[in-house]
């Protein structure tokens, strides 16, 4: 699969969705995920919530269930352009 340097990037909106649903901390979100059977460390979940780490489909689905929202409420395409991992010297 080739990397297209003109792809829009994904803007994560998990913190926004949390705030709109009065989920104040990542620890609280993680407790709710745990009740669903989704196991993830607070550190890893923090990275996901802050948009700095890849997310598994199970964790994404769990967050959508916990926050009672759609996947599209948790992310959107940004007008800014994504350089792509293959072209990113920081990766």
N, C-alpha and C. Protein backbone atom coordinates (compact mmCIF):
# COMPACT_ATOMS: atom_id res chain seq x y z
N UNK A 1 0.84 -1.18 0.00
CA UNK A 1 0.00 0.00 0.00
C UNK A 1 0.88 1.24 0.00
N UNK A 2 0.67 2.12 -0.93
CA UNK A 2 1.48 3.34 -0.99
C UNK A 2 0.89 4.42 -0.10
N UNK A 3 1.74 5.30 0.36
CA UNK A 3 1.31 6.41 1.21
C UNK A 3 1.09 7.62 0.33
N UNK A 4 -0.09 8.20 0.42
CA UNK A 4 -0.41 9.39 -0.35
C UNK A 4 -0.21 10.61 0.53
N UNK A 5 0.69 11.49 0.16
CA UNK A 5 1.02 12.64 0.99
C UNK A 5 -0.07 13.71 0.98
N UNK A 6 -1.12 13.53 0.19
CA UNK A 6 -2.20 14.52 0.15
C UNK A 6 -3.43 14.08 0.93
N UNK A 7 -3.34 13.00 1.67
CA UNK A 7 -4.47 12.55 2.48
C UNK A 7 -4.74 13.52 3.62
N UNK A 8 -6.01 13.79 3.90
CA UNK A 8 -6.30 14.60 5.10
C UNK A 8 -5.97 13.78 6.33
N UNK A 9 -5.65 14.42 7.43
CA UNK A 9 -5.35 13.68 8.64
C UNK A 9 -6.61 13.51 9.48
N UNK A 10 -6.58 12.54 10.37
CA UNK A 10 -7.70 12.30 11.27
C UNK A 10 -7.53 13.16 12.50
N UNK A 11 -8.55 13.91 12.84
CA UNK A 11 -8.56 14.73 14.05
C UNK A 11 -9.37 13.96 15.10
N UNK A 12 -8.70 13.57 16.17
CA UNK A 12 -9.38 12.83 17.23
C UNK A 12 -10.17 13.78 18.11
N UNK A 13 -11.39 13.41 18.43
CA UNK A 13 -12.29 14.24 19.21
C UNK A 13 -12.80 13.49 20.45
N UNK A 14 -12.00 12.57 20.94
CA UNK A 14 -12.42 11.77 22.08
C UNK A 14 -12.59 12.65 23.32
N UNK A 15 -11.66 13.56 23.56
CA UNK A 15 -11.79 14.45 24.73
C UNK A 15 -13.05 15.30 24.63
N UNK A 16 -13.37 15.77 23.45
CA UNK A 16 -14.59 16.56 23.25
C UNK A 16 -15.81 15.71 23.59
N UNK A 17 -15.84 14.49 23.06
CA UNK A 17 -16.97 13.57 23.34
C UNK A 17 -17.06 13.27 24.83
N UNK A 18 -15.90 13.08 25.48
CA UNK A 18 -15.90 12.85 26.93
C UNK A 18 -16.52 14.04 27.66
N UNK A 19 -16.09 15.24 27.32
CA UNK A 19 -16.58 16.45 27.99
C UNK A 19 -18.08 16.63 27.77
N UNK A 20 -18.54 16.38 26.56
CA UNK A 20 -19.96 16.52 26.25
C UNK A 20 -20.82 15.53 27.05
N UNK A 21 -20.20 14.44 27.49
CA UNK A 21 -20.93 13.40 28.22
C UNK A 21 -20.54 13.35 29.70
N UNK A 22 -19.85 14.39 30.14
CA UNK A 22 -19.47 14.56 31.54
C UNK A 22 -18.57 13.43 32.06
N UNK A 23 -17.74 12.88 31.18
CA UNK A 23 -16.71 11.92 31.59
C UNK A 23 -15.45 12.76 31.76
N UNK A 24 -15.07 12.99 33.02
CA UNK A 24 -14.06 14.01 33.30
C UNK A 24 -12.62 13.54 33.19
N UNK A 25 -12.38 12.24 33.36
CA UNK A 25 -10.99 11.77 33.35
C UNK A 25 -10.84 10.52 32.50
N UNK A 26 -9.61 10.29 32.08
CA UNK A 26 -9.30 9.06 31.35
C UNK A 26 -9.48 7.85 32.27
N UNK A 27 -9.19 8.02 33.55
CA UNK A 27 -9.38 6.93 34.51
C UNK A 27 -10.85 6.52 34.57
N UNK A 28 -11.74 7.49 34.58
CA UNK A 28 -13.18 7.18 34.58
C UNK A 28 -13.58 6.46 33.29
N UNK A 29 -13.09 6.95 32.17
CA UNK A 29 -13.36 6.29 30.88
C UNK A 29 -12.84 4.87 30.91
N UNK A 30 -11.64 4.67 31.46
CA UNK A 30 -11.04 3.34 31.52
C UNK A 30 -11.85 2.40 32.41
N UNK A 31 -12.38 2.90 33.53
CA UNK A 31 -13.23 2.07 34.40
C UNK A 31 -14.46 1.58 33.64
N UNK A 32 -15.04 2.47 32.86
CA UNK A 32 -16.22 2.10 32.08
C UNK A 32 -15.87 1.09 30.99
N UNK A 33 -14.72 1.29 30.35
CA UNK A 33 -14.27 0.32 29.35
C UNK A 33 -14.03 -1.04 29.98
N UNK A 34 -13.44 -1.04 31.17
CA UNK A 34 -13.16 -2.28 31.88
C UNK A 34 -14.46 -3.05 32.15
N UNK A 35 -15.52 -2.34 32.52
CA UNK A 35 -16.82 -2.98 32.76
C UNK A 35 -17.36 -3.64 31.49
N UNK A 36 -16.97 -3.12 30.33
CA UNK A 36 -17.38 -3.71 29.05
C UNK A 36 -16.48 -4.88 28.65
N UNK A 37 -15.38 -5.06 29.37
CA UNK A 37 -14.43 -6.11 29.02
C UNK A 37 -13.31 -5.64 28.13
N UNK A 38 -13.19 -4.34 27.93
CA UNK A 38 -12.10 -3.77 27.13
C UNK A 38 -10.97 -3.43 28.08
N UNK A 39 -9.86 -4.15 27.95
CA UNK A 39 -8.71 -3.98 28.84
C UNK A 39 -7.64 -3.14 28.16
N UNK A 40 -7.26 -2.04 28.83
CA UNK A 40 -6.22 -1.15 28.32
C UNK A 40 -5.65 -0.39 29.51
N UNK A 41 -4.37 -0.10 29.48
CA UNK A 41 -3.77 0.65 30.59
C UNK A 41 -4.17 2.12 30.50
N UNK A 42 -4.15 2.79 31.64
CA UNK A 42 -4.44 4.23 31.66
C UNK A 42 -3.46 5.00 30.79
N UNK A 43 -2.18 4.60 30.83
CA UNK A 43 -1.15 5.28 30.04
C UNK A 43 -1.47 5.17 28.55
N UNK A 44 -1.79 3.97 28.11
CA UNK A 44 -2.10 3.75 26.70
C UNK A 44 -3.38 4.49 26.30
N UNK A 45 -4.39 4.45 27.17
CA UNK A 45 -5.64 5.15 26.87
C UNK A 45 -5.41 6.66 26.82
N UNK A 46 -4.57 7.17 27.70
CA UNK A 46 -4.24 8.59 27.67
C UNK A 46 -3.64 8.98 26.32
N UNK A 47 -2.74 8.17 25.81
CA UNK A 47 -2.12 8.44 24.51
C UNK A 47 -3.16 8.45 23.40
N UNK A 48 -4.10 7.51 23.47
CA UNK A 48 -5.16 7.44 22.46
C UNK A 48 -6.04 8.68 22.55
N UNK A 49 -6.47 9.01 23.75
CA UNK A 49 -7.36 10.17 23.96
C UNK A 49 -6.70 11.45 23.48
N UNK A 50 -5.40 11.57 23.67
CA UNK A 50 -4.67 12.76 23.23
C UNK A 50 -4.29 12.69 21.76
N UNK A 51 -4.67 11.61 21.07
CA UNK A 51 -4.47 11.51 19.63
C UNK A 51 -3.07 11.12 19.21
N UNK A 52 -2.26 10.63 20.13
CA UNK A 52 -0.89 10.33 19.78
C UNK A 52 -0.57 8.87 19.57
N UNK A 53 -1.58 8.01 19.57
CA UNK A 53 -1.31 6.58 19.41
C UNK A 53 -2.39 5.93 18.57
N UNK A 54 -2.00 4.89 17.85
CA UNK A 54 -2.98 4.14 17.06
C UNK A 54 -3.97 3.47 18.01
N UNK A 55 -5.15 3.18 17.49
CA UNK A 55 -6.21 2.63 18.31
C UNK A 55 -6.77 1.37 17.65
N UNK A 56 -7.01 0.35 18.45
CA UNK A 56 -7.58 -0.88 17.91
C UNK A 56 -9.08 -0.69 17.70
N UNK A 57 -9.64 -1.49 16.83
CA UNK A 57 -11.07 -1.42 16.56
C UNK A 57 -11.88 -1.73 17.83
N UNK A 58 -11.40 -2.67 18.64
CA UNK A 58 -12.12 -3.03 19.87
C UNK A 58 -12.16 -1.85 20.85
N UNK A 59 -11.04 -1.17 21.01
CA UNK A 59 -10.99 -0.03 21.93
C UNK A 59 -11.86 1.11 21.38
N UNK A 60 -11.79 1.38 20.09
CA UNK A 60 -12.61 2.42 19.48
C UNK A 60 -14.09 2.11 19.66
N UNK A 61 -14.48 0.87 19.41
CA UNK A 61 -15.88 0.47 19.59
C UNK A 61 -16.29 0.60 21.05
N UNK A 62 -15.41 0.20 21.97
CA UNK A 62 -15.70 0.31 23.39
C UNK A 62 -15.91 1.75 23.81
N UNK A 63 -15.07 2.66 23.33
CA UNK A 63 -15.21 4.08 23.66
C UNK A 63 -16.55 4.60 23.14
N UNK A 64 -16.92 4.20 21.92
CA UNK A 64 -18.20 4.64 21.36
C UNK A 64 -19.37 4.14 22.20
N UNK A 65 -19.30 2.90 22.68
CA UNK A 65 -20.36 2.35 23.53
C UNK A 65 -20.42 3.10 24.86
N UNK A 66 -19.26 3.25 25.51
CA UNK A 66 -19.20 3.91 26.81
C UNK A 66 -19.72 5.34 26.73
N UNK A 67 -19.36 6.06 25.67
CA UNK A 67 -19.77 7.45 25.53
C UNK A 67 -21.11 7.59 24.81
N UNK A 68 -21.71 6.45 24.42
CA UNK A 68 -23.01 6.44 23.75
C UNK A 68 -23.01 7.38 22.55
N UNK A 69 -22.04 7.12 21.66
CA UNK A 69 -21.92 7.97 20.48
C UNK A 69 -21.53 7.13 19.27
N UNK A 70 -21.47 7.74 18.14
CA UNK A 70 -21.04 7.10 16.90
C UNK A 70 -19.53 7.29 16.72
N UNK A 71 -18.93 6.42 15.93
CA UNK A 71 -17.50 6.53 15.65
C UNK A 71 -17.18 7.93 15.09
N UNK A 72 -18.05 8.46 14.25
CA UNK A 72 -17.84 9.78 13.66
C UNK A 72 -17.83 10.91 14.68
N UNK A 73 -18.38 10.66 15.87
CA UNK A 73 -18.31 11.67 16.93
C UNK A 73 -16.94 11.70 17.58
N UNK A 74 -16.16 10.64 17.39
CA UNK A 74 -14.86 10.51 18.03
C UNK A 74 -13.70 10.95 17.14
N UNK A 75 -13.97 11.07 15.84
CA UNK A 75 -12.92 11.51 14.92
C UNK A 75 -13.55 12.15 13.70
N UNK A 76 -12.74 12.95 13.03
CA UNK A 76 -13.17 13.53 11.76
C UNK A 76 -11.94 13.82 10.92
N UNK A 77 -12.16 13.96 9.63
CA UNK A 77 -11.06 14.30 8.74
C UNK A 77 -10.77 15.78 8.84
N UNK A 78 -9.51 16.10 8.99
CA UNK A 78 -9.08 17.49 9.11
C UNK A 78 -8.76 18.04 7.74
N UNK A 79 -8.92 19.33 7.60
CA UNK A 79 -8.56 19.99 6.33
C UNK A 79 -7.05 20.06 6.14
N UNK A 80 -6.30 19.96 7.24
CA UNK A 80 -4.84 19.92 7.13
C UNK A 80 -4.42 18.63 6.45
N UNK A 81 -3.28 18.61 5.86
CA UNK A 81 -2.84 17.44 5.12
C UNK A 81 -1.91 16.56 5.96
N UNK A 82 -2.07 15.28 5.79
CA UNK A 82 -1.27 14.27 6.47
C UNK A 82 -0.08 13.93 5.59
N UNK A 83 1.10 13.93 6.18
CA UNK A 83 2.30 13.63 5.40
C UNK A 83 2.50 12.15 5.19
N UNK A 84 1.92 11.32 6.03
CA UNK A 84 2.08 9.89 5.89
C UNK A 84 3.30 9.39 6.65
N UNK A 85 3.19 8.25 7.29
CA UNK A 85 4.25 7.71 8.12
C UNK A 85 5.52 7.44 7.33
N UNK A 86 5.37 7.02 6.10
CA UNK A 86 6.56 6.68 5.31
C UNK A 86 7.38 7.93 5.00
N UNK A 87 6.72 9.08 4.97
CA UNK A 87 7.41 10.32 4.63
C UNK A 87 7.74 11.15 5.85
N UNK A 88 7.37 10.69 7.03
CA UNK A 88 7.54 11.47 8.25
C UNK A 88 8.88 11.12 8.88
N UNK A 89 9.84 12.05 8.92
CA UNK A 89 11.15 11.75 9.46
C UNK A 89 11.12 11.51 10.97
N UNK A 90 10.04 11.91 11.66
CA UNK A 90 9.96 11.70 13.10
C UNK A 90 9.53 10.29 13.45
N UNK A 91 9.03 9.52 12.52
CA UNK A 91 8.54 8.16 12.78
C UNK A 91 9.66 7.16 12.70
